[in-house]
């Protein structure tokens, strides 16, 4: 018999640094989940990718157990890492903060492919390029 699902929660957490402090504690605590156990498992799964933000989809069951999936980091986070930016441009249409090559975009698209709803790598590349442009990063052909 399948377990009864109590809730599904999505959190974005820094790799290897989940702690019982907000946002993790309040989100999981209201369902009676062992917060320390979640933090330990999440940190073990992501400890090699320090410095990146990872989305986690947590499924909480009625018996207070949980299962979670760690997704790939958001495209904006990967673009910032690739270009070496602290943050995107406040006015992306006027002020450019860096540039990215199609080769770098392709590398990011390959990482993100499983989480994007893109049928081909070319479609994924155009999605990543669009994110870069909206951040004020110049896309070089």
N, C-alpha and C. Protein backbone atom coordinates (compact mmCIF):
# COMPACT_ATOMS: atom_id res chain seq x y z
N UNK A 1 0.83 -1.19 0.00
CA UNK A 1 0.00 0.00 0.00
C UNK A 1 0.88 1.26 0.00
N UNK A 2 0.54 2.21 -0.82
CA UNK A 2 1.30 3.46 -0.91
C UNK A 2 1.04 4.32 0.33
N UNK A 3 2.09 5.05 0.74
CA UNK A 3 1.95 5.95 1.88
C UNK A 3 1.10 7.15 1.49
N UNK A 4 0.36 7.67 2.46
CA UNK A 4 -0.46 8.86 2.23
C UNK A 4 0.43 10.10 2.27
N UNK A 5 0.34 10.91 1.22
CA UNK A 5 1.15 12.13 1.15
C UNK A 5 0.46 13.24 1.93
N UNK A 6 1.21 13.84 2.84
CA UNK A 6 0.69 14.92 3.68
C UNK A 6 0.93 16.28 3.02
N UNK A 7 2.15 16.47 2.45
CA UNK A 7 2.47 17.75 1.84
C UNK A 7 3.65 17.62 0.89
N UNK A 8 3.74 18.57 -0.02
CA UNK A 8 4.91 18.70 -0.90
C UNK A 8 5.44 20.11 -0.72
N UNK A 9 6.72 20.21 -0.42
CA UNK A 9 7.35 21.50 -0.16
C UNK A 9 8.53 21.68 -1.11
N UNK A 10 8.70 22.90 -1.61
CA UNK A 10 9.87 23.21 -2.44
C UNK A 10 10.69 24.26 -1.72
N UNK A 11 11.97 23.98 -1.54
CA UNK A 11 12.89 24.92 -0.90
C UNK A 11 14.12 25.09 -1.78
N UNK A 12 14.76 26.25 -1.71
CA UNK A 12 16.04 26.46 -2.38
C UNK A 12 17.07 26.70 -1.29
N UNK A 13 18.06 25.80 -1.23
CA UNK A 13 19.02 25.83 -0.14
C UNK A 13 20.45 25.82 -0.65
N UNK A 14 21.38 26.45 0.09
CA UNK A 14 22.79 26.40 -0.31
C UNK A 14 23.35 25.00 -0.12
N UNK A 15 24.14 24.55 -1.08
CA UNK A 15 24.71 23.20 -1.06
C UNK A 15 25.51 22.94 0.20
N UNK A 16 25.23 21.83 0.86
CA UNK A 16 25.98 21.42 2.04
C UNK A 16 25.81 22.30 3.26
N UNK A 17 24.83 23.23 3.24
CA UNK A 17 24.69 24.16 4.36
C UNK A 17 23.27 24.27 4.89
N UNK A 18 22.46 23.23 4.70
CA UNK A 18 21.10 23.27 5.25
C UNK A 18 21.17 23.17 6.77
N UNK A 19 20.42 24.04 7.45
CA UNK A 19 20.39 24.02 8.92
C UNK A 19 18.93 24.07 9.36
N UNK A 20 18.65 23.71 10.62
CA UNK A 20 17.27 23.76 11.12
C UNK A 20 16.70 25.18 11.22
N UNK A 21 17.53 26.19 11.00
CA UNK A 21 17.05 27.58 11.03
C UNK A 21 16.15 27.83 9.82
N UNK A 22 15.39 28.93 9.83
CA UNK A 22 14.55 29.23 8.65
C UNK A 22 15.40 29.25 7.38
N UNK A 23 14.90 28.81 6.26
CA UNK A 23 13.52 28.41 5.96
C UNK A 23 13.21 26.93 6.25
N UNK A 24 14.23 26.13 6.53
CA UNK A 24 14.01 24.69 6.69
C UNK A 24 13.16 24.35 7.91
N UNK A 25 13.53 24.87 9.06
CA UNK A 25 12.83 24.55 10.31
C UNK A 25 11.33 24.78 10.27
N UNK A 26 10.89 26.02 9.99
CA UNK A 26 9.45 26.28 9.97
C UNK A 26 8.70 25.48 8.90
N UNK A 27 9.33 25.30 7.74
CA UNK A 27 8.65 24.59 6.65
C UNK A 27 8.41 23.12 6.99
N UNK A 28 9.40 22.47 7.59
CA UNK A 28 9.27 21.04 7.90
C UNK A 28 8.69 20.80 9.29
N UNK A 29 8.96 21.70 10.22
CA UNK A 29 8.52 21.53 11.61
C UNK A 29 7.02 21.43 11.75
N UNK A 30 6.27 22.17 10.95
CA UNK A 30 4.82 22.14 11.07
C UNK A 30 4.22 20.78 10.71
N UNK A 31 5.03 19.92 10.05
CA UNK A 31 4.54 18.58 9.70
C UNK A 31 5.14 17.50 10.59
N UNK A 32 5.94 17.90 11.57
CA UNK A 32 6.51 16.95 12.51
C UNK A 32 7.64 16.11 11.94
N UNK A 33 8.28 16.60 10.91
CA UNK A 33 9.38 15.87 10.27
C UNK A 33 10.65 16.06 11.08
N UNK A 34 11.53 15.05 11.06
CA UNK A 34 12.82 15.15 11.73
C UNK A 34 13.71 16.09 10.91
N UNK A 35 13.79 17.34 11.33
CA UNK A 35 14.49 18.39 10.59
C UNK A 35 15.99 18.09 10.49
N UNK A 36 16.58 17.64 11.59
CA UNK A 36 18.00 17.32 11.60
C UNK A 36 18.35 16.23 10.59
N UNK A 37 17.49 15.25 10.46
CA UNK A 37 17.72 14.15 9.51
C UNK A 37 17.67 14.68 8.08
N UNK A 38 16.70 15.55 7.78
CA UNK A 38 16.62 16.13 6.44
C UNK A 38 17.89 16.92 6.13
N UNK A 39 18.31 17.77 7.08
CA UNK A 39 19.50 18.60 6.88
C UNK A 39 20.73 17.73 6.60
N UNK A 40 20.87 16.66 7.39
CA UNK A 40 22.01 15.76 7.23
C UNK A 40 22.01 15.12 5.84
N UNK A 41 20.85 14.59 5.40
CA UNK A 41 20.76 13.94 4.09
C UNK A 41 20.99 14.93 2.95
N UNK A 42 20.39 16.13 3.05
CA UNK A 42 20.56 17.14 2.00
C UNK A 42 22.03 17.56 1.91
N UNK A 43 22.66 17.81 3.05
CA UNK A 43 24.06 18.24 3.06
C UNK A 43 24.98 17.16 2.50
N UNK A 44 24.69 15.88 2.82
CA UNK A 44 25.50 14.78 2.28
C UNK A 44 25.39 14.71 0.76
N UNK A 45 24.18 14.91 0.24
CA UNK A 45 23.96 14.84 -1.22
C UNK A 45 24.62 15.99 -1.97
N UNK A 46 24.73 17.16 -1.35
CA UNK A 46 25.18 18.36 -2.07
C UNK A 46 26.54 18.89 -1.62
N UNK A 47 27.21 18.21 -0.71
CA UNK A 47 28.44 18.79 -0.14
C UNK A 47 29.56 19.04 -1.16
N UNK A 48 29.56 18.33 -2.28
CA UNK A 48 30.63 18.53 -3.27
C UNK A 48 30.42 19.79 -4.13
N UNK A 49 29.24 20.37 -4.08
CA UNK A 49 28.90 21.53 -4.92
C UNK A 49 28.81 22.83 -4.10
N UNK A 50 29.64 22.99 -3.12
CA UNK A 50 29.57 24.15 -2.22
C UNK A 50 29.53 25.47 -2.99
N UNK A 51 28.69 26.38 -2.52
CA UNK A 51 28.58 27.69 -3.14
C UNK A 51 27.39 27.83 -4.08
N UNK A 52 26.79 26.71 -4.47
CA UNK A 52 25.63 26.77 -5.37
C UNK A 52 24.34 26.63 -4.57
N UNK A 53 23.25 27.09 -5.14
CA UNK A 53 21.92 26.96 -4.53
C UNK A 53 21.22 25.79 -5.23
N UNK A 54 20.63 24.90 -4.46
CA UNK A 54 19.92 23.76 -5.04
C UNK A 54 18.46 23.76 -4.62
N UNK A 55 17.54 23.63 -5.58
CA UNK A 55 16.13 23.44 -5.23
C UNK A 55 15.93 22.00 -4.74
N UNK A 56 15.13 21.83 -3.72
CA UNK A 56 14.79 20.50 -3.21
C UNK A 56 13.27 20.38 -3.17
N UNK A 57 12.74 19.29 -3.72
CA UNK A 57 11.31 19.00 -3.64
C UNK A 57 11.13 17.93 -2.57
N UNK A 58 10.48 18.29 -1.48
CA UNK A 58 10.34 17.38 -0.35
C UNK A 58 8.90 16.88 -0.30
N UNK A 59 8.74 15.56 -0.27
CA UNK A 59 7.42 14.96 -0.12
C UNK A 59 7.32 14.43 1.30
N UNK A 60 6.32 14.91 2.04
CA UNK A 60 6.14 14.50 3.44
C UNK A 60 4.94 13.56 3.51
N UNK A 61 5.13 12.43 4.18
CA UNK A 61 4.07 11.43 4.29
C UNK A 61 3.36 11.53 5.64
N UNK A 62 2.19 10.94 5.74
CA UNK A 62 1.37 11.01 6.95
C UNK A 62 2.08 10.41 8.17
N UNK A 63 2.97 9.43 7.94
CA UNK A 63 3.69 8.82 9.08
C UNK A 63 4.94 9.63 9.46
N UNK A 64 5.01 10.88 8.99
CA UNK A 64 6.08 11.83 9.29
C UNK A 64 7.43 11.47 8.70
N UNK A 65 7.44 10.57 7.72
CA UNK A 65 8.68 10.29 6.99
C UNK A 65 8.69 11.22 5.79
N UNK A 66 9.82 11.29 5.11
CA UNK A 66 9.91 12.18 3.96
C UNK A 66 10.83 11.58 2.89
N UNK A 67 10.66 12.10 1.69
CA UNK A 67 11.54 11.74 0.58
C UNK A 67 11.78 13.05 -0.15
N UNK A 68 12.99 13.23 -0.67
CA UNK A 68 13.23 14.48 -1.39
C UNK A 68 14.08 14.25 -2.62
N UNK A 69 13.89 15.14 -3.58
CA UNK A 69 14.65 15.13 -4.83
C UNK A 69 15.42 16.44 -4.90
N UNK A 70 16.70 16.35 -5.20
CA UNK A 70 17.50 17.56 -5.37
C UNK A 70 17.58 17.82 -6.87
N UNK A 71 17.16 19.02 -7.28
CA UNK A 71 17.19 19.39 -8.70
C UNK A 71 18.49 20.11 -9.01
N UNK A 72 18.68 20.45 -10.29
CA UNK A 72 19.88 21.19 -10.68
C UNK A 72 19.71 22.65 -10.25
N UNK A 73 20.83 23.35 -10.01
CA UNK A 73 20.73 24.75 -9.59
C UNK A 73 20.00 25.59 -10.64
N UNK A 74 19.37 26.70 -10.22
CA UNK A 74 18.70 27.57 -11.19
C UNK A 74 19.68 28.07 -12.25
N UNK A 75 19.18 28.30 -13.46
CA UNK A 75 20.03 28.76 -14.57
C UNK A 75 20.78 30.04 -14.21
N UNK A 76 20.11 30.96 -13.54
CA UNK A 76 20.75 32.23 -13.17
C UNK A 76 21.97 32.00 -12.27
N UNK A 77 21.88 31.04 -11.36
CA UNK A 77 22.99 30.74 -10.46
C UNK A 77 24.17 30.17 -11.25
N UNK A 78 23.87 29.27 -12.20
CA UNK A 78 24.93 28.68 -13.03
C UNK A 78 25.58 29.73 -13.94
N UNK A 79 24.77 30.65 -14.47
CA UNK A 79 25.31 31.72 -15.33
C UNK A 79 26.23 32.63 -14.51
N UNK A 80 25.78 33.02 -13.30
CA UNK A 80 26.62 33.87 -12.45
C UNK A 80 27.95 33.19 -12.13
N UNK A 81 27.91 31.89 -11.88
CA UNK A 81 29.13 31.14 -11.56
C UNK A 81 30.05 31.11 -12.79
N UNK A 82 29.48 30.83 -13.96
CA UNK A 82 30.24 30.70 -15.20
C UNK A 82 30.91 32.03 -15.58
N UNK A 83 30.20 33.14 -15.42
CA UNK A 83 30.70 34.46 -15.82
C UNK A 83 31.49 35.12 -14.69
N UNK A 84 31.29 34.64 -13.46
CA UNK A 84 32.01 35.21 -12.31
C UNK A 84 31.37 36.48 -11.78
N UNK A 85 30.05 36.50 -11.73
CA UNK A 85 29.32 37.67 -11.26
C UNK A 85 28.82 37.48 -9.84
N UNK A 86 28.68 38.58 -9.11
CA UNK A 86 28.06 38.53 -7.78
C UNK A 86 26.54 38.56 -7.94
N UNK A 87 26.06 39.40 -8.91
CA UNK A 87 24.63 39.48 -9.17
C UNK A 87 24.40 40.01 -10.57
N UNK A 88 23.16 39.88 -11.03
CA UNK A 88 22.81 40.36 -12.36
C UNK A 88 22.69 41.88 -12.38
N UNK A 89 22.42 42.42 -13.57
CA UNK A 89 22.29 43.86 -13.75
C UNK A 89 20.94 44.36 -13.25
N UNK A 90 20.90 45.53 -12.57
CA UNK A 90 19.62 46.08 -12.13
C UNK A 90 18.77 46.56 -13.33
N UNK A 91 19.45 46.98 -14.42
CA UNK A 91 18.76 47.40 -15.63
C UNK A 91 19.35 46.63 -16.80
N UNK A 92 18.87 45.40 -17.00
CA UNK A 92 19.47 44.50 -17.98
C UNK A 92 19.41 45.01 -19.42
N UNK A 93 18.42 45.87 -19.73
CA UNK A 93 18.33 46.38 -21.10
C UNK A 93 19.36 47.47 -21.38
N UNK A 94 19.84 48.16 -20.37
CA UNK A 94 20.80 49.26 -20.56
C UNK A 94 22.20 48.91 -20.10
N UNK A 95 22.29 48.26 -18.96
CA UNK A 95 23.58 48.05 -18.30
C UNK A 95 23.98 46.58 -18.37
N UNK A 96 25.06 46.28 -19.13
CA UNK A 96 25.55 44.91 -19.24
C UNK A 96 26.61 44.67 -18.16
N UNK A 97 26.56 43.50 -17.52
CA UNK A 97 27.49 43.24 -16.42
C UNK A 97 28.54 42.18 -16.78
N UNK A 98 28.44 41.60 -17.96
CA UNK A 98 29.41 40.59 -18.38
C UNK A 98 29.00 40.01 -19.71
N UNK A 99 29.75 39.01 -20.17
CA UNK A 99 29.37 38.34 -21.41
C UNK A 99 29.61 36.84 -21.27
N UNK A 100 28.87 36.09 -22.07
CA UNK A 100 28.95 34.63 -22.02
C UNK A 100 28.96 34.11 -23.46
N UNK A 101 29.75 33.06 -23.70
CA UNK A 101 29.85 32.50 -25.05
C UNK A 101 28.81 31.39 -25.22
N UNK A 102 28.54 31.05 -26.48
CA UNK A 102 27.59 29.97 -26.77
C UNK A 102 28.12 28.63 -26.22
N UNK A 103 29.44 28.48 -26.17
CA UNK A 103 30.02 27.25 -25.63
C UNK A 103 29.69 27.12 -24.13
N UNK A 104 29.78 28.25 -23.40
CA UNK A 104 29.44 28.25 -21.97
C UNK A 104 27.95 27.99 -21.79
N UNK A 105 27.12 28.60 -22.65
CA UNK A 105 25.67 28.38 -22.58
C UNK A 105 25.34 26.92 -22.82
N UNK A 106 26.03 26.30 -23.78
CA UNK A 106 25.79 24.88 -24.07
C UNK A 106 26.14 24.00 -22.87
N UNK A 107 27.24 24.33 -22.18
CA UNK A 107 27.63 23.57 -20.99
C UNK A 107 26.55 23.66 -19.90
N UNK A 108 26.02 24.88 -19.69
CA UNK A 108 24.95 25.07 -18.70
C UNK A 108 23.69 24.33 -19.14
N UNK A 109 23.36 24.40 -20.43
CA UNK A 109 22.16 23.74 -20.95
C UNK A 109 22.25 22.22 -20.74
N UNK A 110 23.44 21.65 -20.90
CA UNK A 110 23.61 20.20 -20.69
C UNK A 110 23.37 19.84 -19.22
N UNK A 111 23.81 20.70 -18.30
CA UNK A 111 23.59 20.46 -16.87
C UNK A 111 22.09 20.54 -16.56
N UNK A 112 21.41 21.56 -17.10
CA UNK A 112 20.00 21.83 -16.79
C UNK A 112 19.02 20.96 -17.58
N UNK A 113 19.47 20.26 -18.60
CA UNK A 113 18.59 19.58 -19.54
C UNK A 113 17.51 18.72 -18.87
N UNK A 114 17.88 17.96 -17.84
CA UNK A 114 16.90 17.06 -17.22
C UNK A 114 15.79 17.79 -16.47
N UNK A 115 16.02 19.05 -16.06
CA UNK A 115 15.00 19.81 -15.34
C UNK A 115 14.24 20.81 -16.21
N UNK A 116 14.70 21.00 -17.45
CA UNK A 116 14.00 21.93 -18.35
C UNK A 116 12.96 21.16 -19.15
N UNK A 117 11.91 21.85 -19.59
CA UNK A 117 10.97 21.15 -20.45
C UNK A 117 11.30 21.48 -21.90
N UNK A 118 12.53 21.18 -22.27
CA UNK A 118 13.02 21.40 -23.63
C UNK A 118 13.25 20.05 -24.29
N UNK A 119 12.80 19.94 -25.54
CA UNK A 119 12.93 18.67 -26.26
C UNK A 119 14.34 18.48 -26.80
N UNK A 120 14.99 19.56 -27.20
CA UNK A 120 16.32 19.45 -27.79
C UNK A 120 17.31 20.33 -27.05
N UNK A 121 18.59 20.08 -27.30
CA UNK A 121 19.64 20.88 -26.67
C UNK A 121 19.58 22.32 -27.20
N UNK A 122 19.24 22.50 -28.48
CA UNK A 122 19.14 23.85 -29.04
C UNK A 122 18.06 24.67 -28.33
N UNK A 123 16.93 24.04 -28.03
CA UNK A 123 15.86 24.73 -27.30
C UNK A 123 16.34 25.11 -25.91
N UNK A 124 17.03 24.19 -25.25
CA UNK A 124 17.56 24.46 -23.91
C UNK A 124 18.57 25.61 -23.96
N UNK A 125 19.42 25.64 -24.99
CA UNK A 125 20.41 26.70 -25.13
C UNK A 125 19.72 28.06 -25.29
N UNK A 126 18.62 28.10 -26.06
CA UNK A 126 17.94 29.39 -26.23
C UNK A 126 17.27 29.84 -24.93
N UNK A 127 16.80 28.88 -24.11
CA UNK A 127 16.22 29.23 -22.81
C UNK A 127 17.29 29.82 -21.89
N UNK A 128 18.47 29.19 -21.85
CA UNK A 128 19.57 29.67 -21.01
C UNK A 128 20.05 31.03 -21.50
N UNK A 129 20.14 31.21 -22.82
CA UNK A 129 20.57 32.49 -23.39
C UNK A 129 19.57 33.59 -23.01
N UNK A 130 18.30 33.28 -23.02
CA UNK A 130 17.27 34.24 -22.63
C UNK A 130 17.41 34.66 -21.17
N UNK A 131 17.71 33.68 -20.32
CA UNK A 131 17.93 33.98 -18.90
C UNK A 131 19.15 34.90 -18.75
N UNK A 132 20.21 34.60 -19.49
CA UNK A 132 21.43 35.42 -19.43
C UNK A 132 21.13 36.85 -19.86
N UNK A 133 20.40 37.00 -20.97
CA UNK A 133 20.07 38.35 -21.44
C UNK A 133 19.23 39.11 -20.42
N UNK A 134 18.31 38.42 -19.76
CA UNK A 134 17.46 39.11 -18.79
C UNK A 134 18.22 39.48 -17.51
N UNK A 135 19.40 38.90 -17.34
CA UNK A 135 20.25 39.24 -16.20
C UNK A 135 21.23 40.36 -16.54
N UNK A 136 21.25 40.78 -17.82
CA UNK A 136 22.19 41.81 -18.24
C UNK A 136 23.53 41.25 -18.67
N UNK A 137 23.55 39.97 -19.06
CA UNK A 137 24.77 39.34 -19.55
C UNK A 137 24.69 39.28 -21.07
N UNK A 138 25.72 39.80 -21.75
CA UNK A 138 25.72 39.82 -23.21
C UNK A 138 26.03 38.40 -23.73
N UNK A 139 25.18 37.93 -24.65
CA UNK A 139 25.38 36.61 -25.24
C UNK A 139 26.15 36.78 -26.54
N UNK A 140 27.35 36.18 -26.59
CA UNK A 140 28.19 36.28 -27.79
C UNK A 140 27.98 35.06 -28.66
N UNK A 141 27.83 35.29 -29.94
CA UNK A 141 27.55 34.20 -30.89
C UNK A 141 28.76 33.33 -31.12
